[in-house]
Amino acid sequence: MNSEKTDTERYSVVMAILTMDDTDKGFRGNRRNFIDIIEVGKQAKILVYVTTSTHLKLHAKKIIGFTYDAESRMWDRKYFKLPDVVYNRIPFREDEWIPEVQNKITECLNHPYIRLFNSSFFNKWTLFKWLSKDKRTRRFVPITRKYKDDIYLIPLLKKFSFLYLKPEKGKAGMGIMRIRRLPNRKLRYSIDVQEKTGNHVYRYATVSQLKDKIRQFSEHEDYIVQQGIQLAHLYRRPFDLRVLVQKNNKGQWAISGIGARLAGEMSITTHVPRGGSIEDPRRLLIASFSSIKAKRILGGVRRSALVIAKQIERGAQTELGELSLDLGVDKFARLWFFEANSKPMKFDEPQIRKKSLERLMQYCNFLVKKRVGGKTKT
């Protein structure tokens, strides 16, 4: 291993991207994303490296990390000084639940000099509880219940044209179910299930049969049941908005960009891995409403997203630096909140991607300046 002394001296701020070990590749995670962060860090005079929960030893003077050499297109394993900021990109919930990983995150949060942000994934039920506590955000929340086997589905199905069942700890739309009442007298209920192999539809005559199917798919997982929203659509395909909210160089929430996702044919969600497509939000809103109304809606989205981000941070009671929000607009132009992700995926829209990387560096600088008492590490 080579010393990182000469490189470190060129940078006043050090950021470590925290992930998990990989036996074959050294570490896990989106390498293209990590490379982009490392390169933008150089431009911002911030030394960025990737480390793992195993290598991040907070009482050591030097720790093992990985950096990318653009010339050789290879990852180098080296020793680095301890970071000022830890950017949590542990890829899966199961990884974060490991006791040793939880202990390492807690150790970072309690460290007098190191600042870690976005300490964990969110739970859907918890998110809706946080937002329901404040009147400014309550209006964005669809009626949501914790799903239990004895829940009265029929009153909910009578009140709403359809319902969604969503895993509390789900990701990328996996495991989502949609339930409808049918006019058919024999098969009165349908359930659409998003599975690995695609979307599958099942029809049943009784609530008991319906619940048996739900039990089969929700086994060992906690679910919420939620009012279905008739989203604005294009060519009978619904769409929603993805908003990236990040903190800037003043530590204040700001909008880094708004994208849109159009549902794939026969899909019950707009997720791109499930057949959805990336679209221009303004174009979709103009097609559904009008140019004037689209402008008004986007302005409302920007204002509302900031209010929602602040309330989520209050509920989380921990340092947050970025969130992606899934918001829907119904046929009456009303805005709805569906999901928040504490570890946003890389936005494919170039302008949003560029802004997201810039904001990440700005916030990193802010955290270092804000450090308690202006003390530095020894």
Protein backbone atom coordinates (compact mmCIF):
# COMPACT_ATOMS: atom_id res chain seq x y z
CA MET A 1 0.00 0.00 0.00
CA ASN A 2 1.19 3.54 -0.79
CA SER A 3 1.14 6.50 1.58
CA GLU A 4 -1.48 9.16 0.86
CA LYS A 5 0.54 11.93 2.55
CA THR A 6 1.29 14.06 -0.51
CA ASP A 7 -2.32 13.93 -1.75
CA THR A 8 -3.78 14.69 1.67
CA GLU A 9 -1.69 17.84 2.05
CA ARG A 10 -3.37 19.30 -1.04
CA TYR A 11 -6.84 19.13 0.50
CA SER A 12 -8.26 20.90 3.54
CA VAL A 13 -11.38 18.69 3.72
CA VAL A 14 -11.58 14.89 3.64
CA MET A 15 -14.78 12.95 2.90
CA ALA A 16 -15.18 9.18 3.16
CA ILE A 17 -17.93 7.38 1.27
CA LEU A 18 -19.04 4.61 3.63
CA THR A 19 -20.07 1.27 2.18
CA MET A 20 -19.63 -2.48 2.82
CA ASP A 21 -16.83 -4.97 2.16
CA ASP A 22 -16.84 -7.17 -0.92
CA THR A 23 -14.67 -10.29 -0.92
CA ASP A 24 -13.84 -10.07 -4.62
CA LYS A 25 -13.96 -6.34 -5.41
CA GLY A 26 -12.93 -4.82 -2.08
CA PHE A 27 -16.12 -2.82 -1.59
CA ARG A 28 -19.74 -2.70 -2.72
CA GLY A 29 -21.88 0.06 -4.21
CA ASN A 30 -22.36 2.06 -7.40
CA ARG A 31 -18.78 2.53 -8.57
CA ARG A 32 -19.68 4.96 -11.35
CA ASN A 33 -21.37 7.15 -8.77
CA PHE A 34 -18.34 6.96 -6.48
CA ILE A 35 -15.98 7.89 -9.32
CA ASP A 36 -18.07 10.98 -10.13
CA ILE A 37 -17.99 12.07 -6.48
CA ILE A 38 -14.21 11.57 -6.27
CA GLU A 39 -13.64 13.61 -9.46
CA VAL A 40 -15.91 16.48 -8.42
CA GLY A 41 -14.26 16.41 -4.99
CA LYS A 42 -10.87 17.09 -6.63
CA GLN A 43 -12.30 20.15 -8.37
CA ALA A 44 -13.70 21.39 -5.05
CA LYS A 45 -10.40 20.69 -3.21
CA ILE A 46 -12.04 17.91 -1.20
CA LEU A 47 -10.25 14.58 -0.87
CA VAL A 48 -12.83 11.81 -1.36
CA TYR A 49 -12.20 8.12 -0.87
CA VAL A 50 -14.32 5.01 -0.40
CA THR A 51 -14.06 2.99 2.79
CA THR A 52 -16.02 0.21 4.46
CA SER A 53 -17.57 -0.30 7.88
CA THR A 54 -14.73 -2.74 8.63
CA HIS A 55 -11.92 -0.36 7.63
CA LEU A 56 -13.36 2.78 9.24
CA LYS A 57 -11.50 2.57 12.57
CA LEU A 58 -12.07 5.88 14.31
CA HIS A 59 -9.23 5.46 16.82
CA ALA A 60 -6.59 4.82 14.16
CA LYS A 61 -4.39 7.52 12.65
CA LYS A 62 -4.72 6.04 9.15
CA ILE A 63 -7.42 3.82 7.68
CA ILE A 64 -7.73 1.72 4.53
CA GLY A 65 -9.67 3.27 1.69
CA PHE A 66 -10.02 3.16 -2.09
CA THR A 67 -9.52 5.85 -4.70
CA TYR A 68 -9.88 5.76 -8.47
CA ASP A 69 -7.02 6.34 -10.89
CA ALA A 70 -8.54 7.77 -14.08
CA GLU A 71 -5.40 7.09 -16.16
CA SER A 72 -5.14 3.38 -15.37
CA ARG A 73 -8.93 3.05 -14.85
CA MET A 74 -8.18 1.07 -11.73
CA TRP A 75 -9.12 1.34 -8.07
CA ASP A 76 -6.16 1.82 -5.71
CA ARG A 77 -6.23 0.61 -2.11
CA LYS A 78 -4.30 3.02 0.13
CA TYR A 79 -4.01 4.44 3.62
CA PHE A 80 -5.86 7.69 4.27
CA LYS A 81 -6.23 10.05 7.19
CA LEU A 82 -9.52 9.93 9.09
CA PRO A 83 -12.34 11.80 7.33
CA ASP A 84 -13.94 15.06 8.38
CA VAL A 85 -17.24 13.93 6.85
CA VAL A 86 -18.71 10.45 6.34
CA TYR A 87 -21.22 10.09 3.49
CA ASN A 88 -23.34 7.02 4.26
CA ARG A 89 -23.87 4.96 1.10
CA ILE A 90 -24.29 1.53 2.70
CA PRO A 91 -26.31 -0.08 -0.09
CA PHE A 92 -28.90 -2.29 1.62
CA ARG A 93 -31.06 -2.23 4.72
CA GLU A 94 -29.88 -5.69 5.72
CA ASP A 95 -26.32 -4.32 5.84
CA GLU A 96 -27.32 -1.43 8.09
CA TRP A 97 -29.09 -3.80 10.49
CA ILE A 98 -25.88 -5.72 11.23
CA PRO A 99 -24.99 -4.88 14.87
CA GLU A 100 -21.35 -4.10 14.04
CA VAL A 101 -22.46 -1.66 11.33
CA GLN A 102 -25.00 -0.03 13.66
CA ASN A 103 -22.26 0.39 16.26
CA LYS A 104 -19.94 1.99 13.69
CA ILE A 105 -22.63 4.47 12.59
CA THR A 106 -23.38 5.36 16.23
CA GLU A 107 -19.67 5.81 16.86
CA CYS A 108 -19.48 8.27 13.95
CA LEU A 109 -22.55 10.17 15.14
CA ASN A 110 -21.03 10.55 18.61
CA HIS A 111 -17.55 11.48 17.40
CA PRO A 112 -16.48 15.03 18.42
CA TYR A 113 -14.97 15.93 15.02
CA ILE A 114 -16.32 13.57 12.35
CA ARG A 115 -19.72 14.43 10.87
CA LEU A 116 -21.89 11.65 9.39
CA PHE A 117 -25.14 12.46 7.60
CA ASN A 118 -28.12 10.36 6.44
CA SER A 119 -27.47 7.68 9.03
CA SER A 120 -30.10 5.17 7.86
CA PHE A 121 -32.78 4.17 5.39
CA PHE A 122 -36.34 5.35 6.04
CA ASN A 123 -39.35 3.26 6.98
CA LYS A 124 -42.52 4.14 5.01
CA TRP A 125 -44.84 3.91 8.01
CA THR A 126 -42.54 6.12 10.08
CA LEU A 127 -42.34 8.69 7.27
CA PHE A 128 -46.13 8.99 7.07
CA LYS A 129 -46.35 9.35 10.86
CA TRP A 130 -43.77 12.16 10.83
CA LEU A 131 -45.55 14.05 8.05
CA SER A 132 -48.98 13.56 9.63
CA LYS A 133 -47.84 15.37 12.79
CA ASP A 134 -47.58 18.78 11.11
CA LYS A 135 -50.52 20.55 9.48
CA ARG A 136 -48.25 21.95 6.76
CA THR A 137 -47.34 18.45 5.54
CA ARG A 138 -50.42 16.45 6.63
CA ARG A 139 -52.35 17.56 3.55
CA PHE A 140 -49.89 15.78 1.24
CA VAL A 141 -50.30 12.38 2.92
CA PRO A 142 -52.74 9.82 1.46
CA ILE A 143 -54.85 7.95 4.01
CA THR A 144 -52.49 5.26 5.25
CA ARG A 145 -52.90 2.39 7.70
CA LYS A 146 -50.51 -0.22 9.03
CA TYR A 147 -51.62 -3.43 7.35
CA LYS A 148 -52.79 -6.22 9.63
CA ASP A 149 -54.57 -9.43 8.79
CA ASP A 150 -57.76 -8.25 10.49
CA ILE A 151 -57.90 -4.86 8.75
CA TYR A 152 -61.26 -4.04 7.16
CA LEU A 153 -60.39 -3.87 3.48
CA ILE A 154 -63.99 -3.61 2.25
CA PRO A 155 -64.79 -0.20 3.85
CA LEU A 156 -61.54 1.13 2.41
CA LEU A 157 -62.34 -0.32 -1.02
CA LYS A 158 -65.80 1.27 -0.87
CA LYS A 159 -64.27 4.63 -0.01
CA PHE A 160 -61.51 4.51 -2.63
CA SER A 161 -61.54 3.06 -6.14
CA PHE A 162 -58.32 1.16 -5.42
CA LEU A 163 -55.73 0.62 -2.69
CA TYR A 164 -51.99 0.08 -2.57
CA LEU A 165 -50.15 -2.25 -0.23
CA LYS A 166 -46.49 -1.31 0.12
CA PRO A 167 -43.68 -2.96 2.11
CA GLU A 168 -42.54 -0.58 4.84
CA LYS A 169 -38.91 -1.26 3.95
CA GLY A 170 -39.33 -1.73 0.21
CA LYS A 171 -37.07 -0.43 -2.54
CA ALA A 172 -37.55 0.37 -6.25
CA GLY A 173 -41.19 -0.70 -6.20
CA MET A 174 -40.53 -4.33 -5.30
CA GLY A 175 -43.38 -6.07 -3.49
CA ILE A 176 -46.01 -3.39 -4.14
CA MET A 177 -49.60 -4.65 -4.59
CA ARG A 178 -52.68 -2.88 -5.99
CA ILE A 179 -56.18 -4.00 -4.96
CA ARG A 180 -59.41 -3.18 -6.81
CA ARG A 181 -63.09 -4.03 -6.51
CA LEU A 182 -64.45 -5.46 -9.78
CA PRO A 183 -67.96 -5.16 -11.26
CA ASN A 184 -67.84 -8.91 -11.97
CA ARG A 185 -70.27 -10.73 -9.65
CA LYS A 186 -68.23 -13.93 -9.49
CA LEU A 187 -64.68 -12.58 -9.26
CA ARG A 188 -65.17 -9.44 -7.19
CA TYR A 189 -61.57 -8.51 -6.32
CA SER A 190 -58.32 -8.18 -8.22
CA ILE A 191 -54.79 -7.87 -6.93
CA ASP A 192 -51.86 -6.72 -9.08
CA VAL A 193 -48.49 -7.78 -7.69
CA GLN A 194 -45.16 -6.37 -8.76
CA GLU A 195 -42.78 -9.32 -8.81
CA LYS A 196 -39.25 -9.86 -10.11
CA THR A 197 -40.58 -11.35 -13.33
CA GLY A 198 -43.03 -8.48 -13.91
CA ASN A 199 -46.56 -7.48 -13.01
CA HIS A 200 -49.07 -10.29 -12.36
CA VAL A 201 -52.84 -10.01 -11.86
CA TYR A 202 -54.94 -12.36 -9.72
CA ARG A 203 -58.74 -12.32 -9.30
CA TYR A 204 -60.78 -13.72 -6.41
CA ALA A 205 -64.40 -14.16 -5.42
CA THR A 206 -64.06 -13.50 -1.69
CA VAL A 207 -62.16 -11.23 0.69
CA SER A 208 -60.86 -14.33 2.44
CA GLN A 209 -59.20 -15.52 -0.78
CA LEU A 210 -57.83 -12.04 -1.39
CA LYS A 211 -56.30 -11.90 2.08
CA ASP A 212 -54.79 -15.34 1.64
CA LYS A 213 -52.95 -14.05 -1.44
CA ILE A 214 -51.83 -10.92 0.39
CA ARG A 215 -50.56 -13.10 3.24
CA GLN A 216 -48.62 -15.21 0.76
CA PHE A 217 -46.83 -12.19 -0.72
CA SER A 218 -46.37 -10.21 2.50
CA GLU A 219 -45.02 -13.06 4.60
CA HIS A 220 -42.21 -11.95 6.97
CA GLU A 221 -42.61 -8.29 5.92
CA ASP A 222 -44.49 -5.35 7.42
CA TYR A 223 -46.85 -3.58 5.00
CA ILE A 224 -48.89 -0.40 4.88
CA VAL A 225 -52.24 -0.11 3.08
CA GLN A 226 -52.84 3.20 1.35
CA GLN A 227 -55.50 5.08 -0.51
CA GLY A 228 -54.99 4.86 -4.27
CA ILE A 229 -54.54 8.19 -6.07
CA GLN A 230 -55.76 8.78 -9.62
CA LEU A 231 -52.59 10.38 -10.95
CA ALA A 232 -52.35 12.69 -13.92
CA HIS A 233 -51.39 10.65 -16.97
CA LEU A 234 -50.20 10.65 -20.56
CA TYR A 235 -51.55 8.09 -23.04
CA ARG A 236 -53.35 6.47 -20.08
CA ARG A 237 -50.00 5.95 -18.36
CA PRO A 238 -49.73 7.70 -14.97
CA PHE A 239 -46.66 9.68 -13.99
CA ASP A 240 -45.13 11.09 -10.83
CA LEU A 241 -42.38 13.55 -9.98
CA ARG A 242 -38.97 12.86 -8.44
CA VAL A 243 -37.55 15.80 -6.52
CA LEU A 244 -33.94 15.94 -5.33
CA VAL A 245 -33.63 18.10 -2.21
CA GLN A 246 -30.16 18.80 -0.80
CA LYS A 247 -28.52 21.14 1.65
CA ASN A 248 -26.35 23.90 0.19
CA ASN A 249 -23.21 25.71 1.35
CA LYS A 250 -25.24 27.43 4.09
CA GLY A 251 -26.67 24.16 5.38
CA GLN A 252 -30.13 25.07 4.09
CA TRP A 253 -32.46 22.82 2.10
CA ALA A 254 -32.60 23.65 -1.62
CA ILE A 255 -34.09 22.04 -4.72
CA SER A 256 -31.41 20.46 -6.91
CA GLY A 257 -33.84 19.34 -9.59
CA ILE A 258 -37.22 17.89 -10.50
CA GLY A 259 -37.56 14.86 -12.76
CA ALA A 260 -40.56 12.84 -13.90
CA ARG A 261 -41.19 9.12 -14.34
CA LEU A 262 -43.89 7.78 -16.64
CA ALA A 263 -45.26 4.32 -15.79
CA GLY A 264 -44.57 1.48 -18.16
CA GLU A 265 -47.42 -0.30 -19.90
CA MET A 266 -49.22 -2.67 -17.53
CA SER A 267 -47.01 -1.52 -14.63
CA ILE A 268 -48.50 -0.43 -11.31
CA THR A 269 -45.56 1.87 -10.49
CA THR A 270 -43.45 4.42 -12.37
CA HIS A 271 -40.07 2.94 -11.38
CA VAL A 272 -37.67 2.71 -14.34
CA PRO A 273 -36.50 -0.85 -13.41
CA ARG A 274 -40.19 -1.83 -13.65
CA GLY A 275 -40.65 -0.43 -17.18
CA GLY A 276 -41.05 3.26 -16.38
CA SER A 277 -39.37 5.96 -18.46
CA ILE A 278 -37.58 9.24 -17.68
CA GLU A 279 -39.54 12.26 -18.88
CA ASP A 280 -39.55 16.06 -18.73
CA PRO A 281 -41.92 17.08 -15.91
CA ARG A 282 -42.96 20.31 -17.59
CA ARG A 283 -43.92 18.50 -20.80
CA LEU A 284 -46.03 15.95 -18.92
CA LEU A 285 -47.78 18.60 -16.83
CA ILE A 286 -48.54 20.78 -19.87
CA ALA A 287 -50.00 17.74 -21.65
CA SER A 288 -52.22 16.96 -18.65
CA PHE A 289 -53.22 20.51 -17.71
CA SER A 290 -51.93 23.67 -19.44
CA SER A 291 -48.76 25.72 -19.71
CA ILE A 292 -49.90 28.21 -17.07
CA LYS A 293 -51.09 25.50 -14.70
CA ALA A 294 -47.91 23.46 -15.22
CA LYS A 295 -45.81 26.44 -14.12
CA ARG A 296 -48.01 26.91 -11.06
CA ILE A 297 -47.80 23.20 -10.16
CA LEU A 298 -43.99 23.12 -10.44
CA GLY A 299 -43.74 26.18 -8.22
CA GLY A 300 -45.93 24.40 -5.68
CA VAL A 301 -43.77 21.29 -5.93
CA ARG A 302 -40.64 23.30 -5.14
CA ARG A 303 -42.17 25.00 -2.10
CA SER A 304 -43.81 21.83 -0.80
CA ALA A 305 -40.70 19.68 -1.21
CA LEU A 306 -38.72 22.02 1.05
CA VAL A 307 -41.43 21.94 3.73
CA ILE A 308 -41.57 18.12 3.53
CA ALA A 309 -37.77 17.78 3.77
CA LYS A 310 -37.66 19.97 6.89
CA GLN A 311 -40.42 17.96 8.57
CA ILE A 312 -38.72 14.65 7.75
CA GLU A 313 -35.49 15.92 9.28
CA ARG A 314 -37.37 17.01 12.40
CA GLY A 315 -38.89 13.54 12.66
CA ALA A 316 -35.58 11.77 12.03
CA GLN A 317 -33.82 13.84 14.71
CA THR A 318 -30.52 13.36 12.97
CA GLU A 319 -28.37 15.16 10.39
CA LEU A 320 -29.73 14.86 6.86
CA GLY A 321 -27.97 16.26 3.81
CA GLU A 322 -30.09 15.02 0.92
CA LEU A 323 -33.40 13.35 0.09
CA SER A 324 -35.22 12.31 -3.02
CA LEU A 325 -38.99 12.66 -2.83
CA ASP A 326 -41.61 10.84 -4.89
CA LEU A 327 -44.56 13.19 -5.34
CA GLY A 328 -47.74 12.71 -7.35
CA VAL A 329 -50.14 15.15 -8.98
CA ASP A 330 -53.73 13.97 -9.30
CA LYS A 331 -56.24 14.92 -12.02
CA PHE A 332 -57.32 17.92 -9.93
CA ALA A 333 -53.70 19.17 -9.74
CA ARG A 334 -53.47 18.29 -6.04
CA LEU A 335 -50.02 17.29 -4.79
CA TRP A 336 -49.42 14.01 -2.91
CA PHE A 337 -46.43 12.55 -1.06
CA PHE A 338 -45.56 8.88 -1.70
CA GLU A 339 -41.98 8.21 -0.67
CA ALA A 340 -38.70 9.70 0.55
CA ASN A 341 -35.32 8.09 0.00
CA SER A 342 -32.41 8.94 2.31
CA LYS A 343 -29.95 7.45 -0.19
CA PRO A 344 -31.06 8.85 -3.54
CA MET A 345 -30.24 6.96 -6.67
CA LYS A 346 -28.17 8.78 -9.28
CA PHE A 347 -30.45 11.07 -11.31
CA ASP A 348 -30.01 10.48 -15.04
CA GLU A 349 -30.94 14.04 -16.02
CA PRO A 350 -27.52 15.71 -16.70
CA GLN A 351 -28.39 19.08 -15.17
CA ILE A 352 -29.73 17.49 -11.98
CA ARG A 353 -26.74 15.16 -11.76
CA LYS A 354 -24.30 18.07 -12.07
CA LYS A 355 -26.10 20.13 -9.43
CA SER A 356 -26.35 17.12 -7.07
CA LEU A 357 -22.58 16.61 -7.07
CA GLU A 358 -21.90 20.33 -6.57
CA ARG A 359 -24.33 20.48 -3.65
CA LEU A 360 -22.77 17.41 -2.05
CA MET A 361 -19.39 19.19 -1.97
CA GLN A 362 -20.95 22.44 -0.73
CA TYR A 363 -22.61 20.64 2.16
CA CYS A 364 -19.41 18.77 2.99
CA ASN A 365 -17.59 22.13 3.29
CA PHE A 366 -20.42 23.50 5.41
CA LEU A 367 -20.23 20.58 7.87
CA VAL A 368 -16.51 21.11 8.37
CA LYS A 369 -16.92 24.85 8.98
CA LYS A 370 -19.75 24.14 11.41
CA ARG A 371 -17.68 21.69 13.44
CA VAL A 372 -18.10 22.17 17.18
CA GLY A 373 -15.95 25.01 18.49
CA GLY A 374 -14.03 25.17 15.20
CA LYS A 375 -11.73 22.42 16.52
CA THR A 376 -9.63 20.35 14.16
CA LYS A 377 -8.55 16.75 14.35
CA THR A 378 -5.09 15.84 15.49
